[in-house]
Amino acid sequence: MRKFSKYNYSYDVNWTTQVEFSDTNGIKIRFDVSKWGAGGWGLNAYKYETDEPCKAGKQFGKDLMLSFLSSSGVDPPECPVKPGAYYLSNWTVDLDPSYFPELPYGTYKGECIFLHDNERFLCWQAIILITEKAVL
């Protein structure tokens, strides 16, 4: 991770999968969002689970998914994704605030776990601060 401006970072990521990403081969995604409060992380502010990872990616983050796959060298950048080793270099993430029109201000932690035949094979976690007004 490298900071390239006051509020933006770029990422270098190596990722390898031995499982084809598709909606038909037993992959499950568990996504959980926690909100920071006086007592620590409040679990289950939002919870989502699906056994259709490609459909969910297109529905909830199509631009982000396409950017990630394209920058990884997945050709074409769509599902299914074949097993293999992939590398992202200087990847930047731009989230459109309109994706979250009614998200209350605060600090959130998102965790996404990918399972194949109920075995974890990939996970990621991010912490995001939502403020009333961007300070530029």
N, C-alpha and C. Protein backbone atom coordinates (compact mmCIF):
# COMPACT_ATOMS: atom_id res chain seq x y z
N MET A 1 0.85 -1.16 0.00
CA MET A 1 0.00 0.00 0.00
C MET A 1 0.91 1.23 0.00
N ARG A 2 0.59 2.18 -0.90
CA ARG A 2 1.32 3.43 -0.98
C ARG A 2 0.34 4.59 -1.00
N LYS A 3 0.66 5.63 -0.27
CA LYS A 3 -0.16 6.84 -0.27
C LYS A 3 0.31 7.70 -1.45
N PHE A 4 -0.62 8.07 -2.34
CA PHE A 4 -0.22 8.91 -3.46
C PHE A 4 -0.88 10.28 -3.45
N SER A 5 -1.80 10.50 -2.52
CA SER A 5 -2.35 11.84 -2.30
C SER A 5 -2.87 11.85 -0.86
N LYS A 6 -3.42 12.98 -0.44
CA LYS A 6 -3.83 13.12 0.95
C LYS A 6 -4.81 12.04 1.39
N TYR A 7 -5.73 11.63 0.50
CA TYR A 7 -6.77 10.68 0.88
C TYR A 7 -6.80 9.41 0.04
N ASN A 8 -5.83 9.23 -0.84
CA ASN A 8 -5.88 8.08 -1.75
C ASN A 8 -4.62 7.23 -1.62
N TYR A 9 -4.84 5.94 -1.75
CA TYR A 9 -3.76 4.97 -1.66
C TYR A 9 -3.79 4.08 -2.90
N SER A 10 -2.63 3.52 -3.22
CA SER A 10 -2.59 2.50 -4.27
C SER A 10 -2.10 1.21 -3.62
N TYR A 11 -2.48 0.10 -4.21
CA TYR A 11 -2.21 -1.21 -3.62
C TYR A 11 -1.51 -2.11 -4.61
N ASP A 12 -0.59 -2.91 -4.09
CA ASP A 12 0.01 -4.01 -4.83
C ASP A 12 -0.46 -5.28 -4.15
N VAL A 13 -1.03 -6.18 -4.92
CA VAL A 13 -1.62 -7.39 -4.35
C VAL A 13 -1.24 -8.60 -5.19
N ASN A 14 -0.71 -9.63 -4.53
CA ASN A 14 -0.54 -10.95 -5.15
C ASN A 14 -1.69 -11.81 -4.65
N TRP A 15 -2.39 -12.44 -5.56
CA TRP A 15 -3.42 -13.37 -5.09
C TRP A 15 -3.44 -14.59 -6.00
N THR A 16 -3.65 -15.72 -5.37
CA THR A 16 -3.64 -17.00 -6.07
C THR A 16 -4.89 -17.77 -5.66
N THR A 17 -5.51 -18.38 -6.63
CA THR A 17 -6.66 -19.23 -6.31
C THR A 17 -6.50 -20.57 -7.04
N GLN A 18 -6.81 -21.62 -6.33
CA GLN A 18 -6.82 -22.95 -6.93
C GLN A 18 -8.25 -23.36 -7.29
N VAL A 19 -9.19 -22.44 -7.02
CA VAL A 19 -10.61 -22.70 -7.24
C VAL A 19 -11.12 -21.71 -8.27
N GLU A 20 -11.89 -22.20 -9.23
CA GLU A 20 -12.50 -21.30 -10.20
C GLU A 20 -13.62 -20.51 -9.52
N PHE A 21 -13.59 -19.19 -9.70
CA PHE A 21 -14.67 -18.35 -9.19
C PHE A 21 -15.83 -18.42 -10.16
N SER A 22 -16.92 -18.98 -9.71
CA SER A 22 -18.14 -19.02 -10.52
C SER A 22 -19.33 -19.17 -9.57
N ASP A 23 -20.51 -19.08 -10.13
CA ASP A 23 -21.72 -19.22 -9.32
C ASP A 23 -22.18 -20.66 -9.19
N THR A 24 -21.42 -21.59 -9.76
CA THR A 24 -21.91 -22.97 -9.82
C THR A 24 -20.98 -24.01 -9.19
N ASN A 25 -19.92 -23.58 -8.51
CA ASN A 25 -18.99 -24.60 -8.02
C ASN A 25 -18.82 -24.64 -6.49
N GLY A 26 -19.82 -24.17 -5.77
CA GLY A 26 -19.79 -24.33 -4.31
C GLY A 26 -19.07 -23.24 -3.55
N ILE A 27 -18.83 -22.08 -4.14
CA ILE A 27 -18.21 -20.98 -3.42
C ILE A 27 -19.29 -20.19 -2.68
N LYS A 28 -19.01 -19.88 -1.41
CA LYS A 28 -19.89 -19.04 -0.60
C LYS A 28 -19.11 -17.80 -0.20
N ILE A 29 -19.82 -16.69 -0.09
CA ILE A 29 -19.23 -15.46 0.43
C ILE A 29 -20.01 -15.08 1.68
N ARG A 30 -19.27 -14.77 2.74
CA ARG A 30 -19.87 -14.22 3.96
C ARG A 30 -19.30 -12.83 4.15
N PHE A 31 -20.17 -11.84 4.17
CA PHE A 31 -19.76 -10.45 4.32
C PHE A 31 -20.40 -9.90 5.57
N ASP A 32 -19.59 -9.34 6.46
CA ASP A 32 -20.09 -8.81 7.72
C ASP A 32 -19.51 -7.43 7.95
N VAL A 33 -20.37 -6.48 8.29
CA VAL A 33 -19.94 -5.12 8.61
C VAL A 33 -20.21 -4.87 10.08
N SER A 34 -19.19 -4.37 10.77
CA SER A 34 -19.31 -3.99 12.18
C SER A 34 -19.14 -2.48 12.28
N LYS A 35 -19.76 -1.87 13.29
CA LYS A 35 -19.65 -0.43 13.50
C LYS A 35 -18.98 -0.18 14.84
N TRP A 36 -18.02 0.77 14.86
CA TRP A 36 -17.31 1.11 16.08
C TRP A 36 -18.20 1.95 16.98
N GLY A 37 -18.23 1.60 18.24
CA GLY A 37 -19.02 2.36 19.22
C GLY A 37 -18.28 2.43 20.55
N ALA A 38 -18.94 2.94 21.56
CA ALA A 38 -18.32 3.13 22.88
C ALA A 38 -17.81 1.81 23.46
N GLY A 39 -18.46 0.71 23.15
CA GLY A 39 -18.06 -0.59 23.69
C GLY A 39 -17.18 -1.40 22.76
N GLY A 40 -16.66 -0.78 21.69
CA GLY A 40 -15.84 -1.51 20.72
C GLY A 40 -16.61 -1.78 19.45
N TRP A 41 -16.24 -2.83 18.75
CA TRP A 41 -16.89 -3.17 17.48
C TRP A 41 -18.25 -3.82 17.74
N GLY A 42 -19.31 -3.19 17.25
CA GLY A 42 -20.64 -3.76 17.33
C GLY A 42 -20.85 -4.67 16.12
N LEU A 43 -20.94 -5.94 16.36
CA LEU A 43 -21.03 -6.91 15.28
C LEU A 43 -22.38 -6.87 14.58
N ASN A 44 -22.38 -7.33 13.35
CA ASN A 44 -23.60 -7.53 12.56
C ASN A 44 -24.39 -6.25 12.27
N ALA A 45 -23.68 -5.13 12.04
CA ALA A 45 -24.38 -3.92 11.59
C ALA A 45 -25.03 -4.22 10.24
N TYR A 46 -24.35 -5.05 9.46
CA TYR A 46 -24.89 -5.53 8.18
C TYR A 46 -24.26 -6.88 7.92
N LYS A 47 -25.08 -7.82 7.50
CA LYS A 47 -24.59 -9.18 7.23
C LYS A 47 -25.19 -9.66 5.92
N TYR A 48 -24.35 -10.30 5.11
CA TYR A 48 -24.80 -10.80 3.81
C TYR A 48 -24.08 -12.10 3.52
N GLU A 49 -24.80 -13.07 3.01
CA GLU A 49 -24.21 -14.35 2.62
C GLU A 49 -24.82 -14.80 1.30
N THR A 50 -23.98 -15.33 0.42
CA THR A 50 -24.47 -15.80 -0.87
C THR A 50 -23.62 -16.96 -1.37
N ASP A 51 -24.22 -17.80 -2.20
CA ASP A 51 -23.46 -18.85 -2.88
C ASP A 51 -23.35 -18.53 -4.38
N GLU A 52 -23.56 -17.25 -4.72
CA GLU A 52 -23.40 -16.78 -6.10
C GLU A 52 -22.45 -15.58 -6.12
N PRO A 53 -21.13 -15.82 -5.98
CA PRO A 53 -20.19 -14.71 -5.85
C PRO A 53 -20.14 -13.79 -7.07
N CYS A 54 -20.26 -14.34 -8.25
CA CYS A 54 -20.21 -13.51 -9.46
C CYS A 54 -21.43 -12.59 -9.55
N LYS A 55 -22.58 -13.15 -9.30
CA LYS A 55 -23.82 -12.36 -9.33
C LYS A 55 -23.77 -11.26 -8.27
N ALA A 56 -23.29 -11.59 -7.08
CA ALA A 56 -23.21 -10.60 -6.01
C ALA A 56 -22.22 -9.49 -6.36
N GLY A 57 -21.08 -9.85 -6.95
CA GLY A 57 -20.09 -8.85 -7.34
C GLY A 57 -20.67 -7.87 -8.36
N LYS A 58 -21.42 -8.39 -9.31
CA LYS A 58 -22.04 -7.54 -10.33
C LYS A 58 -23.13 -6.66 -9.72
N GLN A 59 -23.86 -7.20 -8.75
CA GLN A 59 -24.98 -6.48 -8.16
C GLN A 59 -24.52 -5.39 -7.19
N PHE A 60 -23.50 -5.67 -6.37
CA PHE A 60 -23.13 -4.75 -5.30
C PHE A 60 -21.86 -3.94 -5.57
N GLY A 61 -21.07 -4.32 -6.55
CA GLY A 61 -19.83 -3.58 -6.79
C GLY A 61 -19.26 -3.86 -8.16
N LYS A 62 -20.09 -3.74 -9.18
CA LYS A 62 -19.66 -4.10 -10.53
C LYS A 62 -18.40 -3.35 -10.95
N ASP A 63 -18.37 -2.03 -10.76
CA ASP A 63 -17.20 -1.25 -11.17
C ASP A 63 -15.95 -1.67 -10.40
N LEU A 64 -16.09 -1.90 -9.11
CA LEU A 64 -14.97 -2.32 -8.28
C LEU A 64 -14.48 -3.71 -8.72
N MET A 65 -15.41 -4.64 -8.97
CA MET A 65 -15.05 -5.98 -9.41
C MET A 65 -14.33 -5.93 -10.76
N LEU A 66 -14.86 -5.17 -11.71
CA LEU A 66 -14.24 -5.06 -13.03
C LEU A 66 -12.84 -4.45 -12.94
N SER A 67 -12.70 -3.42 -12.11
CA SER A 67 -11.40 -2.78 -11.92
C SER A 67 -10.40 -3.77 -11.33
N PHE A 68 -10.82 -4.51 -10.30
CA PHE A 68 -9.94 -5.48 -9.65
C PHE A 68 -9.51 -6.57 -10.63
N LEU A 69 -10.47 -7.15 -11.35
CA LEU A 69 -10.14 -8.24 -12.27
C LEU A 69 -9.29 -7.76 -13.44
N SER A 70 -9.64 -6.62 -14.01
CA SER A 70 -8.89 -6.07 -15.13
C SER A 70 -7.45 -5.75 -14.72
N SER A 71 -7.30 -5.11 -13.56
CA SER A 71 -5.96 -4.76 -13.07
C SER A 71 -5.14 -5.99 -12.70
N SER A 72 -5.83 -7.10 -12.43
CA SER A 72 -5.15 -8.36 -12.10
C SER A 72 -4.70 -9.12 -13.34
N GLY A 73 -5.13 -8.66 -14.51
CA GLY A 73 -4.77 -9.35 -15.74
C GLY A 73 -5.75 -10.44 -16.12
N VAL A 74 -6.92 -10.49 -15.47
CA VAL A 74 -7.94 -11.47 -15.83
C VAL A 74 -8.55 -11.01 -17.15
N ASP A 75 -8.47 -11.87 -18.17
CA ASP A 75 -8.93 -11.50 -19.50
C ASP A 75 -9.88 -12.57 -20.04
N PRO A 76 -11.14 -12.23 -20.26
CA PRO A 76 -11.78 -10.95 -20.02
C PRO A 76 -12.06 -10.77 -18.53
N PRO A 77 -12.19 -9.49 -18.07
CA PRO A 77 -12.37 -9.23 -16.63
C PRO A 77 -13.80 -9.51 -16.17
N GLU A 78 -14.14 -10.78 -16.13
CA GLU A 78 -15.50 -11.18 -15.74
C GLU A 78 -15.46 -12.59 -15.18
N CYS A 79 -16.55 -13.01 -14.60
CA CYS A 79 -16.68 -14.37 -14.10
C CYS A 79 -17.09 -15.29 -15.24
N PRO A 80 -16.71 -16.55 -15.16
CA PRO A 80 -15.87 -17.16 -14.13
C PRO A 80 -14.41 -16.76 -14.28
N VAL A 81 -13.69 -16.82 -13.15
CA VAL A 81 -12.25 -16.53 -13.12
C VAL A 81 -11.54 -17.85 -12.95
N LYS A 82 -10.66 -18.14 -13.87
CA LYS A 82 -9.93 -19.42 -13.85
C LYS A 82 -8.92 -19.45 -12.70
N PRO A 83 -8.62 -20.65 -12.18
CA PRO A 83 -7.58 -20.76 -11.16
C PRO A 83 -6.26 -20.22 -11.71
N GLY A 84 -5.46 -19.64 -10.83
CA GLY A 84 -4.17 -19.12 -11.25
C GLY A 84 -3.60 -18.15 -10.26
N ALA A 85 -2.43 -17.60 -10.62
CA ALA A 85 -1.76 -16.59 -9.81
C ALA A 85 -1.93 -15.25 -10.52
N TYR A 86 -2.31 -14.23 -9.75
CA TYR A 86 -2.60 -12.92 -10.31
C TYR A 86 -1.86 -11.85 -9.50
N TYR A 87 -1.59 -10.71 -10.14
CA TYR A 87 -0.87 -9.63 -9.48
C TYR A 87 -1.45 -8.28 -9.89
N LEU A 88 -1.72 -7.45 -8.91
CA LEU A 88 -2.15 -6.07 -9.15
C LEU A 88 -0.99 -5.15 -8.78
N SER A 89 -0.78 -4.13 -9.58
CA SER A 89 0.27 -3.16 -9.29
C SER A 89 -0.33 -1.76 -9.38
N ASN A 90 -0.12 -0.97 -8.34
CA ASN A 90 -0.62 0.41 -8.28
C ASN A 90 -2.13 0.50 -8.50
N TRP A 91 -2.88 -0.43 -7.93
CA TRP A 91 -4.33 -0.43 -8.07
C TRP A 91 -4.92 0.58 -7.10
N THR A 92 -5.81 1.42 -7.58
CA THR A 92 -6.48 2.40 -6.73
C THR A 92 -7.96 2.06 -6.64
N VAL A 93 -8.54 2.40 -5.52
CA VAL A 93 -9.95 2.13 -5.28
C VAL A 93 -10.68 3.46 -5.18
N ASP A 94 -11.67 3.65 -6.04
CA ASP A 94 -12.54 4.82 -5.97
C ASP A 94 -13.94 4.33 -5.69
N LEU A 95 -14.45 4.64 -4.50
CA LEU A 95 -15.80 4.24 -4.14
C LEU A 95 -16.75 5.40 -4.37
N ASP A 96 -17.81 5.14 -5.07
CA ASP A 96 -18.82 6.16 -5.33
C ASP A 96 -19.71 6.25 -4.09
N PRO A 97 -19.77 7.46 -3.45
CA PRO A 97 -20.59 7.58 -2.23
C PRO A 97 -22.06 7.27 -2.45
N SER A 98 -22.54 7.33 -3.69
CA SER A 98 -23.95 7.03 -3.93
C SER A 98 -24.27 5.55 -3.70
N TYR A 99 -23.23 4.69 -3.61
CA TYR A 99 -23.46 3.28 -3.27
C TYR A 99 -24.01 3.15 -1.85
N PHE A 100 -23.72 4.15 -1.01
CA PHE A 100 -24.08 4.09 0.40
C PHE A 100 -24.89 5.32 0.78
N PRO A 101 -26.07 5.52 0.19
CA PRO A 101 -26.79 6.78 0.41
C PRO A 101 -27.29 7.00 1.83
N GLU A 102 -27.48 5.95 2.62
CA GLU A 102 -28.05 6.13 3.94
C GLU A 102 -27.19 5.52 5.04
N LEU A 103 -25.91 5.44 4.79
CA LEU A 103 -25.00 4.89 5.79
C LEU A 103 -24.68 5.96 6.83
N PRO A 104 -25.00 5.72 8.11
CA PRO A 104 -24.73 6.73 9.15
C PRO A 104 -23.23 6.97 9.29
N TYR A 105 -22.88 8.17 9.74
CA TYR A 105 -21.49 8.51 9.95
C TYR A 105 -20.89 7.60 11.01
N GLY A 106 -19.60 7.33 10.89
CA GLY A 106 -18.92 6.51 11.87
C GLY A 106 -17.79 5.72 11.25
N THR A 107 -17.23 4.82 12.05
CA THR A 107 -16.14 3.96 11.61
C THR A 107 -16.68 2.55 11.47
N TYR A 108 -16.42 1.95 10.32
CA TYR A 108 -16.94 0.62 10.00
C TYR A 108 -15.79 -0.32 9.65
N LYS A 109 -16.01 -1.59 9.96
CA LYS A 109 -15.06 -2.64 9.57
C LYS A 109 -15.83 -3.65 8.73
N GLY A 110 -15.35 -3.88 7.52
CA GLY A 110 -15.96 -4.88 6.66
C GLY A 110 -15.06 -6.08 6.54
N GLU A 111 -15.62 -7.26 6.66
CA GLU A 111 -14.86 -8.49 6.51
C GLU A 111 -15.58 -9.38 5.52
N CYS A 112 -14.84 -9.87 4.54
CA CYS A 112 -15.41 -10.74 3.52
C CYS A 112 -14.63 -12.05 3.52
N ILE A 113 -15.35 -13.15 3.69
CA ILE A 113 -14.73 -14.47 3.75
C ILE A 113 -15.28 -15.30 2.58
N PHE A 114 -14.36 -15.92 1.83
CA PHE A 114 -14.72 -16.79 0.72
C PHE A 114 -14.49 -18.24 1.15
N LEU A 115 -15.51 -19.06 0.96
CA LEU A 115 -15.43 -20.48 1.34
C LEU A 115 -15.67 -21.35 0.11
N HIS A 116 -14.96 -22.47 0.06
CA HIS A 116 -15.22 -23.48 -0.96
C HIS A 116 -15.35 -24.80 -0.23
N ASP A 117 -16.48 -25.45 -0.39
CA ASP A 117 -16.78 -26.67 0.37
C ASP A 117 -16.58 -26.43 1.87
N ASN A 118 -17.05 -25.26 2.35
CA ASN A 118 -16.99 -24.83 3.74
C ASN A 118 -15.58 -24.68 4.31
N GLU A 119 -14.57 -24.55 3.44
CA GLU A 119 -13.19 -24.27 3.86
C GLU A 119 -12.82 -22.87 3.39
N ARG A 120 -12.30 -22.03 4.29
CA ARG A 120 -11.89 -20.68 3.94
C ARG A 120 -10.69 -20.74 2.99
N PHE A 121 -10.78 -20.03 1.87
CA PHE A 121 -9.63 -19.97 0.97
C PHE A 121 -9.22 -18.54 0.62
N LEU A 122 -10.01 -17.56 1.03
CA LEU A 122 -9.66 -16.17 0.77
C LEU A 122 -10.45 -15.30 1.74
N CYS A 123 -9.82 -14.24 2.23
CA CYS A 123 -10.54 -13.28 3.05
C CYS A 123 -9.88 -11.92 2.94
N TRP A 124 -10.63 -10.89 3.21
CA TRP A 124 -10.10 -9.54 3.28
C TRP A 124 -10.88 -8.77 4.33
N GLN A 125 -10.23 -7.70 4.80
CA GLN A 125 -10.84 -6.85 5.82
C GLN A 125 -10.45 -5.41 5.52
N ALA A 126 -11.39 -4.49 5.71
CA ALA A 126 -11.12 -3.07 5.49
C ALA A 126 -11.81 -2.27 6.58
N ILE A 127 -11.18 -1.17 6.96
CA ILE A 127 -11.77 -0.24 7.92
C ILE A 127 -12.01 1.07 7.18
N ILE A 128 -13.23 1.59 7.29
CA ILE A 128 -13.64 2.79 6.53
C ILE A 128 -14.24 3.79 7.51
N LEU A 129 -13.84 5.04 7.35
CA LEU A 129 -14.39 6.13 8.15
C LEU A 129 -15.34 6.93 7.27
N ILE A 130 -16.59 7.04 7.70
CA ILE A 130 -17.62 7.83 7.00
C ILE A 130 -17.80 9.13 7.77
N THR A 131 -17.56 10.27 7.09
CA THR A 131 -17.71 11.56 7.73
C THR A 131 -18.80 12.36 7.05
N GLU A 132 -19.26 13.41 7.74
CA GLU A 132 -20.33 14.23 7.20
C GLU A 132 -19.89 14.97 5.94
N LYS A 133 -18.69 15.48 5.94
CA LYS A 133 -18.22 16.26 4.81
C LYS A 133 -16.75 15.94 4.58
N ALA A 134 -16.39 15.67 3.33
CA ALA A 134 -14.99 15.40 3.02
C ALA A 134 -14.16 16.64 3.27
N VAL A 135 -13.02 16.47 3.89
CA VAL A 135 -12.10 17.57 4.14
C VAL A 135 -11.01 17.47 3.10
N LEU A 136 -11.01 18.38 2.14
CA LEU A 136 -10.03 18.32 1.06
C LEU A 136 -8.92 19.31 1.24
